[in-house]
Structure formats: C-alpha cells, structure tokens
Amino acid sequence: MARIELTGVTKVYPGNVEAIKNLNLSIADGELVVLVGPSGCGKSTLLRMIAGLETITDGTIEIGDTVVNKLEPADRDIAMVFQNYALYPHMSVRGNLEYGLKNRGTPKAEIAERVNEAARILEIEPFLERKPRQLSGGQRQRVAMGRAIVRKPKAFLFDEPLSNLDAKLRSHMRVEIRRLQRTLGTTSVYVTHDQLEAMTLADKLVVMNGGLIEQVGKPLEIYSDPQSLFVAAFMGSPGMNLIEIEQLQALGASLPDMVPANTGTIGIRPEDIVLGDAGPEHISLPGTLDAIELVGSESLVYGRADGLNKELIVRAPGIHLGEPGNRITFSIPKAALHCFDRDTGRKRVATANAA
C-alpha cells in the first residue's frame, strides 16, 4: 500500500493538444479515489499516466516514496483492472490468476496460497478450473480483480471495470468492489463516467472537466455544495436546475438577499423543489406540466415555468399523475439556492442584494 502524489502533471499531445493541464492531486494510503467526468475530460489519460501506459509531458508522479516518471509499468508495483477483463482465453481461471506470479518467479507454495486466498475472498473457488468463456460477465470481472489481488500491489487502478455489465450486475459489483477495497485496504484509483458508481464507491471524489480538476471532496460534500456550474449540472441524475437571475427578476420573483442583482445563475436541486404553493419562504413559479416519469417510489416531473425559456425538473416523493398541458406550480425554497458567477462559473460568496 502507498500514497500517490501528482504534482504539476501535464499531458500534451501532438498539435499542442493539452489533455491534462498542470494537475495536482494527493491520494492517501488506503484511500479509494474516483475520477469522474464526461468523455474526453482526461480521466482515463490520467489513470494511464499513473500506470505508466502513457508518458507525461511535465510534472511528477510519486507512488509511495518513489518518483515513477521514468519507470516501466511493470516496475511501478501497481495492478490494473480493465473494462474488457483482459483474461487469457486459453487458460483456466487458476491459470489466469497464477500467470503474473509465475512470471515474477514467485515460489509455487506462495502462488497456491495467494490464488486460493483471492478465490476465497472473491467467491470464485468453484470456477478455478473453468475457462473464461464458461463464465458470466460478473464472474469474469471477479477473476480480473483476483488477478490484481494476488499480486499484492501498492495500488489498484480501475479503468471503467463495470462498463460491460448490465444494470443489476453493475449494482452488485459496486458493492463487491467497495467491500473488497475496504477489506484489503489497498490504495485505489477508479475511473468512471457513471455518477452513481462515483458517488457510492468513493472515499474521495475528483470531478474532472477539460483536463482540469473542477472539485475534490467527499461525494456528499460535492453533491450538496458544488463549487462550479459544471459540477452543479454534471453531478446528480438529473442534474441541478440552473436559472439565470435576470429571468427571475423579470418575473418579479422575490429573491433572498444572498442573490446578487442582475448577474449570475442560481441552481436548485430537483429534490428541493416543491410542487404546489409552499408559502413565503419559497419562490413560486406557475407553469405547465410537460411529462412525468414514474421511478419506483418517486416521480420525475418535467415542466416549464411561465416566462422561463427552459425546462424545470422536480424529483418528488411518491407517485404523481397528470397530463401534459396541465397547470402546475413550482415552489423553490430560498434557503436551498446555489448562486454562481456568470463569468467564471464558480460559486459566489453570499453578498447583499443590491436590487
């Protein structure tokens, strides 16, 4: 186990294309850090640089107390788990687990002990003599993780390992990976574009955008207190509702003192909006119902407030019924507003309303 330290890490591709821009990140010993962001944000490139599969243009990467910039992947004492499993089809499960250890000249008795222990932890003991083609997707992913475990590396690197699994199996495997990481206590870096995976797995969440880190923190901290418009819109499914302040002022809405006049954007989480008139501590916006999605024990209500040129989404408990075109009132609690600067996109410090 080891800490991972990235200092001023930069990756520039031919044509002066910056994939990673002067990035700094500290990953503590035993911590599970999830890199999340849209396609092309640089998260997989960053993971590959830690692994040594991608050279860095500038900066330093430390694993433990060693600067690994010039070390080959095999010399960095890390293990990767890929989305495509990367198993040898002609070998049994046992053979796949043993392969890396045999190449390192590990004694036979130790190999057997490590393989059996990994198989027990991952509950794949009944499959040790099967070939990968005889396994389900979830079983293959367990074998891929087992191959990483037996090496007892300083760090695990996960590159979207659940992408090829169906929704139910992904949910199960998320729990398995979290349990496994806590059991082993191995420093882990996990890449995903799936927010649910990111929120449920991470000790620390790193939200990336355009080769930069937008925000770092515990998952619930980032969700409840996004520090930029990007994070507010990206984190959450559905994301935060964003409304220009001028539009609300033009509608005569009574805004709290913390909202600056004539500039910026306010955000409100879908679950914070109340359907129907909720009193003076709310901004009341009459509008029209567009659609309702029933999602188990809750409903996603889509509609448009009169005078706003965008859709509002409400996550409401229980089952809501209605027809498109019905009149509806959106009540936005003033205490739950987030305010962002228009020019920088960053969260604004509360100031008195000059209006």
Protein backbone atom coordinates (compact mmCIF):
# COMPACT_ATOMS: atom_id res chain seq x y z
CA MET A 1 0.00 0.00 0.00
CA ALA A 2 1.14 3.54 -0.66
CA ARG A 3 0.10 7.11 -1.18
CA ILE A 4 0.01 8.56 -4.70
CA GLU A 5 1.09 12.15 -5.29
CA LEU A 6 0.64 14.03 -8.57
CA THR A 7 2.39 17.40 -8.85
CA GLY A 8 2.03 19.70 -11.86
CA VAL A 9 1.16 16.76 -14.10
CA THR A 10 0.63 17.79 -17.71
CA LYS A 11 -0.03 15.81 -20.89
CA VAL A 12 0.29 17.48 -24.29
CA TYR A 13 -0.39 15.53 -27.46
CA PRO A 14 0.99 16.44 -30.90
CA GLY A 15 -0.65 19.55 -32.26
CA ASN A 16 -0.32 21.22 -28.83
CA VAL A 17 -3.46 19.48 -27.55
CA GLU A 18 -3.48 19.64 -23.74
CA ALA A 19 -5.24 16.57 -22.32
CA ILE A 20 -4.12 17.21 -18.71
CA LYS A 21 -3.26 20.71 -17.51
CA ASN A 22 -0.88 21.23 -14.58
CA LEU A 23 -2.85 18.88 -12.33
CA ASN A 24 -2.15 18.40 -8.61
CA LEU A 25 -3.74 15.59 -6.60
CA SER A 26 -2.93 13.78 -3.35
CA ILE A 27 -4.26 10.25 -2.76
CA ALA A 28 -3.78 8.95 0.76
CA ASP A 29 -2.56 5.48 1.65
CA GLY A 30 -5.53 3.10 1.57
CA GLU A 31 -7.90 5.65 0.02
CA LEU A 32 -10.32 4.87 -2.82
CA VAL A 33 -10.38 7.88 -5.14
CA VAL A 34 -12.82 8.04 -8.05
CA LEU A 35 -12.10 10.17 -11.12
CA VAL A 36 -15.39 11.15 -12.75
CA GLY A 37 -16.31 13.37 -15.66
CA PRO A 38 -17.67 13.34 -19.21
CA SER A 39 -15.96 11.61 -22.13
CA GLY A 40 -12.79 13.42 -23.12
CA CYS A 41 -12.24 15.13 -19.77
CA GLY A 42 -8.86 13.42 -19.24
CA LYS A 43 -9.70 10.92 -16.51
CA SER A 44 -8.54 7.80 -18.39
CA THR A 45 -5.43 9.61 -19.63
CA LEU A 46 -4.58 10.49 -16.04
CA LEU A 47 -5.06 6.89 -14.90
CA ARG A 48 -2.86 5.62 -17.74
CA MET A 49 -0.12 8.08 -16.74
CA ILE A 50 -0.20 6.77 -13.18
CA ALA A 51 0.06 3.26 -14.58
CA GLY A 52 2.94 4.17 -16.91
CA LEU A 53 0.96 3.33 -20.05
CA GLU A 54 1.08 7.00 -21.08
CA THR A 55 4.12 9.25 -20.80
CA ILE A 56 3.78 12.57 -19.02
CA THR A 57 4.85 15.84 -20.62
CA ASP A 58 5.62 17.63 -17.36
CA GLY A 59 5.30 17.22 -13.61
CA THR A 60 5.95 14.29 -11.27
CA ILE A 61 4.08 11.18 -10.17
CA GLU A 62 5.04 9.52 -6.90
CA ILE A 63 3.83 6.12 -5.74
CA GLY A 64 4.89 5.64 -2.16
CA ASP A 65 8.21 7.41 -1.80
CA THR A 66 9.30 6.76 -5.38
CA VAL A 67 9.06 9.13 -8.35
CA VAL A 68 7.87 6.79 -11.10
CA ASN A 69 8.02 9.11 -14.14
CA LYS A 70 10.65 7.01 -15.89
CA LEU A 71 9.69 3.59 -14.52
CA GLU A 72 8.09 0.99 -16.78
CA PRO A 73 4.56 -0.16 -15.81
CA ALA A 74 5.87 -3.49 -14.54
CA ASP A 75 8.24 -1.69 -12.17
CA ARG A 76 5.61 0.57 -10.55
CA ASP A 77 4.07 -2.15 -8.38
CA ILE A 78 0.50 -1.39 -9.44
CA ALA A 79 -2.27 -3.62 -10.80
CA MET A 80 -4.91 -2.57 -13.33
CA VAL A 81 -8.45 -3.87 -13.84
CA PHE A 82 -9.88 -3.06 -17.28
CA GLN A 83 -13.43 -2.94 -18.62
CA ASN A 84 -12.71 -5.77 -21.10
CA TYR A 85 -11.36 -8.14 -18.38
CA ALA A 86 -8.13 -8.86 -20.39
CA LEU A 87 -8.17 -12.56 -19.46
CA TYR A 88 -6.22 -15.23 -21.35
CA PRO A 89 -8.96 -17.31 -23.03
CA HIS A 90 -6.87 -20.49 -23.35
CA MET A 91 -6.05 -20.58 -19.63
CA SER A 92 -8.24 -21.71 -16.77
CA VAL A 93 -9.25 -19.25 -14.07
CA ARG A 94 -6.48 -20.68 -11.90
CA GLY A 95 -4.01 -20.23 -14.74
CA ASN A 96 -5.04 -16.61 -15.20
CA LEU A 97 -4.56 -15.93 -11.51
CA GLU A 98 -1.18 -17.69 -11.40
CA TYR A 99 0.28 -16.22 -14.58
CA GLY A 100 1.69 -12.94 -13.28
CA LEU A 101 3.12 -14.57 -10.16
CA LYS A 102 4.87 -17.27 -12.19
CA ASN A 103 6.45 -14.62 -14.40
CA ARG A 104 7.87 -12.97 -11.28
CA GLY A 105 9.37 -16.23 -10.07
CA THR A 106 7.12 -16.48 -7.01
CA PRO A 107 7.56 -19.84 -5.21
CA LYS A 108 4.88 -22.44 -6.02
CA ALA A 109 3.65 -22.73 -2.45
CA GLU A 110 3.18 -18.97 -2.20
CA ILE A 111 1.39 -18.87 -5.56
CA ALA A 112 -1.07 -21.53 -4.40
CA GLU A 113 -1.66 -19.69 -1.13
CA ARG A 114 -2.29 -16.33 -2.84
CA VAL A 115 -4.55 -17.80 -5.52
CA ASN A 116 -6.63 -19.75 -3.02
CA GLU A 117 -6.97 -16.69 -0.77
CA ALA A 118 -8.06 -14.46 -3.66
CA ALA A 119 -10.54 -17.09 -4.85
CA ARG A 120 -11.99 -17.32 -1.35
CA ILE A 121 -12.32 -13.53 -0.99
CA LEU A 122 -14.00 -13.19 -4.40
CA GLU A 123 -16.06 -16.39 -4.05
CA ILE A 124 -14.77 -17.86 -7.33
CA GLU A 125 -13.41 -21.11 -5.87
CA PRO A 126 -15.94 -23.27 -7.81
CA PHE A 127 -14.72 -21.76 -11.10
CA LEU A 128 -10.95 -22.22 -10.76
CA GLU A 129 -10.74 -24.95 -13.39
CA ARG A 130 -13.11 -23.29 -15.89
CA LYS A 131 -12.08 -21.26 -18.93
CA PRO A 132 -13.17 -17.58 -19.18
CA ARG A 133 -15.70 -18.43 -21.93
CA GLN A 134 -17.55 -20.62 -19.42
CA LEU A 135 -18.09 -17.68 -17.04
CA SER A 136 -20.64 -14.89 -16.87
CA GLY A 137 -19.57 -11.26 -17.23
CA GLY A 138 -19.65 -10.74 -13.48
CA GLN A 139 -17.59 -13.86 -12.85
CA ARG A 140 -15.01 -12.76 -15.43
CA GLN A 141 -14.71 -9.39 -13.74
CA ARG A 142 -14.12 -11.12 -10.41
CA VAL A 143 -11.34 -13.14 -12.00
CA ALA A 144 -9.82 -9.93 -13.38
CA MET A 145 -9.90 -8.44 -9.88
CA GLY A 146 -8.47 -11.67 -8.47
CA ARG A 147 -5.51 -11.40 -10.83
CA ALA A 148 -4.85 -7.93 -9.42
CA ILE A 149 -5.29 -9.05 -5.80
CA VAL A 150 -2.81 -11.93 -5.93
CA ARG A 151 0.00 -9.54 -6.83
CA LYS A 152 -0.49 -7.60 -3.57
CA PRO A 153 0.42 -4.32 -5.31
CA LYS A 154 0.90 -0.88 -3.81
CA ALA A 155 -2.16 0.36 -5.68
CA PHE A 156 -5.14 -0.82 -7.73
CA LEU A 157 -6.13 1.13 -10.85
CA PHE A 158 -9.65 0.53 -12.20
CA ASP A 159 -10.47 1.71 -15.74
CA GLU A 160 -14.29 1.67 -16.02
CA PRO A 161 -14.36 -2.02 -15.00
CA LEU A 162 -18.17 -2.35 -14.91
CA SER A 163 -18.99 -0.75 -18.28
CA ASN A 164 -19.78 -4.06 -19.98
CA LEU A 165 -22.16 -5.33 -17.29
CA ASP A 166 -25.94 -4.95 -17.13
CA ALA A 167 -27.51 -2.56 -14.61
CA LYS A 168 -28.37 -5.19 -11.97
CA LEU A 169 -24.94 -6.78 -12.09
CA ARG A 170 -23.23 -3.39 -12.00
CA SER A 171 -25.07 -2.60 -8.78
CA HIS A 172 -23.94 -5.89 -7.24
CA MET A 173 -20.34 -5.46 -8.39
CA ARG A 174 -20.16 -1.93 -6.98
CA VAL A 175 -20.89 -3.37 -3.55
CA GLU A 176 -18.31 -6.11 -4.11
CA ILE A 177 -15.57 -3.69 -5.15
CA ARG A 178 -16.26 -1.39 -2.19
CA ARG A 179 -16.24 -4.33 0.24
CA LEU A 180 -13.08 -5.75 -1.31
CA GLN A 181 -11.20 -2.46 -1.19
CA ARG A 182 -12.10 -1.92 2.45
CA THR A 183 -11.05 -5.48 3.31
CA LEU A 184 -7.68 -5.18 1.60
CA GLY A 185 -7.06 -1.51 2.41
CA THR A 186 -5.16 -1.03 -0.86
CA THR A 187 -4.84 2.47 -2.33
CA SER A 188 -7.16 2.57 -5.34
CA VAL A 189 -7.89 4.92 -8.23
CA TYR A 190 -11.14 4.25 -10.09
CA VAL A 191 -12.23 5.88 -13.36
CA THR A 192 -15.88 6.11 -14.38
CA HIS A 193 -18.32 8.37 -16.20
CA ASP A 194 -21.17 6.88 -14.14
CA GLN A 195 -22.16 9.25 -11.33
CA LEU A 196 -23.87 6.53 -9.29
CA GLU A 197 -20.67 4.47 -9.29
CA ALA A 198 -18.69 7.55 -8.36
CA MET A 199 -20.99 8.56 -5.50
CA THR A 200 -21.30 5.08 -3.98
CA LEU A 201 -17.67 3.95 -4.28
CA ALA A 202 -15.51 6.96 -3.48
CA ASP A 203 -13.80 7.94 -0.26
CA LYS A 204 -12.79 11.00 -2.24
CA LEU A 205 -14.34 12.18 -5.50
CA VAL A 206 -12.41 14.06 -8.18
CA VAL A 207 -14.63 15.78 -10.76
CA MET A 208 -12.74 16.50 -13.99
CA ASN A 209 -13.54 18.70 -16.96
CA GLY A 210 -11.36 19.61 -19.93
CA GLY A 211 -8.16 18.23 -18.41
CA LEU A 212 -8.65 20.15 -15.16
CA ILE A 213 -9.95 19.27 -11.71
CA GLU A 214 -13.21 21.11 -11.07
CA GLN A 215 -13.67 19.96 -7.48
CA VAL A 216 -12.31 17.44 -4.98
CA GLY A 217 -14.11 16.22 -1.88
CA LYS A 218 -16.31 13.62 -0.28
CA PRO A 219 -19.19 12.59 -2.58
CA LEU A 220 -21.96 14.11 -0.46
CA GLU A 221 -19.99 17.34 0.00
CA ILE A 222 -19.64 17.73 -3.75
CA TYR A 223 -23.29 16.92 -4.37
CA SER A 224 -24.64 19.25 -1.70
CA ASP A 225 -22.14 22.07 -2.24
CA PRO A 226 -20.96 22.19 -5.89
CA GLN A 227 -18.33 24.86 -6.41
CA SER A 228 -18.95 25.45 -10.12
CA LEU A 229 -21.73 25.46 -12.68
CA PHE A 230 -20.15 22.43 -14.32
CA VAL A 231 -20.21 20.36 -11.13
CA ALA A 232 -23.75 21.52 -10.33
CA ALA A 233 -25.02 20.39 -13.73
CA PHE A 234 -22.91 17.23 -14.04
CA MET A 235 -23.29 15.68 -10.60
CA GLY A 236 -26.74 14.29 -9.98
CA SER A 237 -29.22 12.48 -12.16
CA PRO A 238 -30.97 14.61 -13.17
CA GLY A 239 -28.55 17.48 -12.63
CA MET A 240 -29.23 20.75 -10.86
CA ASN A 241 -31.81 23.12 -12.36
CA LEU A 242 -30.00 26.30 -13.47
CA ILE A 243 -31.86 29.58 -13.97
CA GLU A 244 -30.50 33.00 -14.95
CA ILE A 245 -31.09 35.56 -12.20
CA GLU A 246 -32.33 38.18 -14.70
CA GLN A 247 -35.13 35.85 -15.77
CA LEU A 248 -36.38 35.51 -12.21
CA GLN A 249 -36.14 39.23 -11.63
CA ALA A 250 -38.08 39.89 -14.85
CA LEU A 251 -40.83 37.64 -13.49
CA GLY A 252 -40.97 39.70 -10.29
CA ALA A 253 -39.68 36.85 -8.12
CA SER A 254 -38.73 37.78 -4.57
CA LEU A 255 -35.10 36.73 -4.24
CA PRO A 256 -33.18 36.34 -0.97
CA ASP A 257 -30.51 38.87 -0.04
CA MET A 258 -27.66 36.47 -0.84
CA VAL A 259 -28.56 36.55 -4.56
CA PRO A 260 -26.67 39.32 -6.43
CA ALA A 261 -28.69 41.62 -8.66
CA ASN A 262 -28.63 41.47 -12.44
CA THR A 263 -25.90 38.89 -12.84
CA GLY A 264 -25.21 35.21 -12.48
CA THR A 265 -27.08 31.93 -12.28
CA ILE A 266 -28.91 30.22 -9.45
CA GLY A 267 -29.16 26.46 -9.07
CA ILE A 268 -31.68 24.28 -7.31
CA ARG A 269 -31.60 20.51 -6.91
CA PRO A 270 -34.65 18.69 -8.34
CA GLU A 271 -35.46 17.16 -4.95
CA ASP A 272 -35.56 20.60 -3.30
CA ILE A 273 -38.38 21.96 -5.48
CA VAL A 274 -41.89 21.56 -4.06
CA LEU A 275 -44.96 21.05 -6.25
CA GLY A 276 -47.75 23.46 -5.34
CA ASP A 277 -47.73 26.74 -3.41
CA ALA A 278 -45.46 26.31 -0.38
CA GLY A 279 -45.52 29.75 1.26
CA PRO A 280 -43.42 32.94 1.52
CA GLU A 281 -40.07 31.21 2.07
CA HIS A 282 -40.33 29.90 -1.49
CA ILE A 283 -40.14 31.45 -4.96
CA SER A 284 -43.47 30.48 -6.53
CA LEU A 285 -43.44 29.93 -10.30
CA PRO A 286 -46.66 28.89 -12.07
CA GLY A 287 -46.17 26.83 -15.20
CA THR A 288 -47.21 23.95 -17.41
CA LEU A 289 -46.63 20.22 -16.99
CA ASP A 290 -44.66 18.55 -19.81
CA ALA A 291 -44.25 14.94 -18.62
CA ILE A 292 -43.98 12.65 -15.61
CA GLU A 293 -41.61 9.69 -15.23
CA LEU A 294 -42.55 7.21 -12.51
CA VAL A 295 -39.33 5.85 -10.97
CA GLY A 296 -40.27 3.33 -8.31
CA SER A 297 -41.19 5.18 -5.13
CA GLU A 298 -40.70 8.64 -6.64
CA SER A 299 -41.58 10.66 -9.71
CA LEU A 300 -39.59 12.91 -12.01
CA VAL A 301 -41.84 15.81 -13.00
CA TYR A 302 -40.89 17.89 -16.06
CA GLY A 303 -42.46 21.26 -16.79
CA ARG A 304 -41.91 24.86 -17.85
CA ALA A 305 -42.45 27.87 -15.64
CA ASP A 306 -44.24 30.77 -17.31
CA GLY A 307 -41.70 33.25 -18.67
CA LEU A 308 -38.69 30.91 -18.41
CA ASN A 309 -37.22 29.53 -21.61
CA LYS A 310 -36.07 26.25 -20.11
CA GLU A 311 -37.40 23.09 -18.53
CA LEU A 312 -37.52 22.52 -14.77
CA ILE A 313 -37.20 19.04 -13.29
CA VAL A 314 -38.63 18.05 -9.90
CA ARG A 315 -37.78 14.84 -8.04
CA ALA A 316 -40.93 14.29 -6.00
CA PRO A 317 -41.62 11.50 -3.48
CA GLY A 318 -44.50 9.18 -4.27
CA ILE A 319 -46.50 8.73 -7.45
CA HIS A 320 -47.66 11.86 -9.26
CA LEU A 321 -50.19 11.73 -12.07
CA GLY A 322 -51.01 14.40 -14.59
CA GLU A 323 -51.47 15.13 -18.26
CA PRO A 324 -49.18 17.23 -20.44
CA GLY A 325 -50.53 20.76 -20.57
CA ASN A 326 -51.92 20.73 -17.02
CA ARG A 327 -51.15 23.80 -14.92
CA ILE A 328 -48.62 23.32 -12.15
CA THR A 329 -46.76 25.46 -9.59
CA PHE A 330 -43.06 25.11 -8.86
CA SER A 331 -42.10 26.32 -5.37
CA ILE A 332 -38.36 26.89 -4.96
CA PRO A 333 -37.14 27.19 -1.33
CA LYS A 334 -34.96 30.28 -0.97
CA ALA A 335 -32.76 28.56 1.59
CA ALA A 336 -31.78 25.85 -0.90
CA LEU A 337 -30.50 28.15 -3.66
CA HIS A 338 -26.94 27.94 -5.00
CA CYS A 339 -25.53 31.04 -6.70
CA PHE A 340 -22.86 31.02 -9.43
CA ASP A 341 -20.91 33.78 -11.12
CA ARG A 342 -21.74 34.11 -14.80
CA ASP A 343 -18.23 35.00 -15.97
CA THR A 344 -16.17 32.48 -14.00
CA GLY A 345 -18.77 29.74 -13.49
CA ARG A 346 -17.62 29.47 -9.87
CA LYS A 347 -19.85 29.55 -6.81
CA ARG A 348 -20.38 33.05 -5.48
CA VAL A 349 -19.79 34.16 -1.92
CA ALA A 350 -23.04 35.41 -0.41
CA THR A 351 -23.38 39.20 -0.64
CA ALA A 352 -26.20 41.63 -0.04
CA ASN A 353 -28.69 42.05 -2.88
CA ALA A 354 -28.16 45.44 -4.44
CA ALA A 355 -31.54 45.43 -6.18
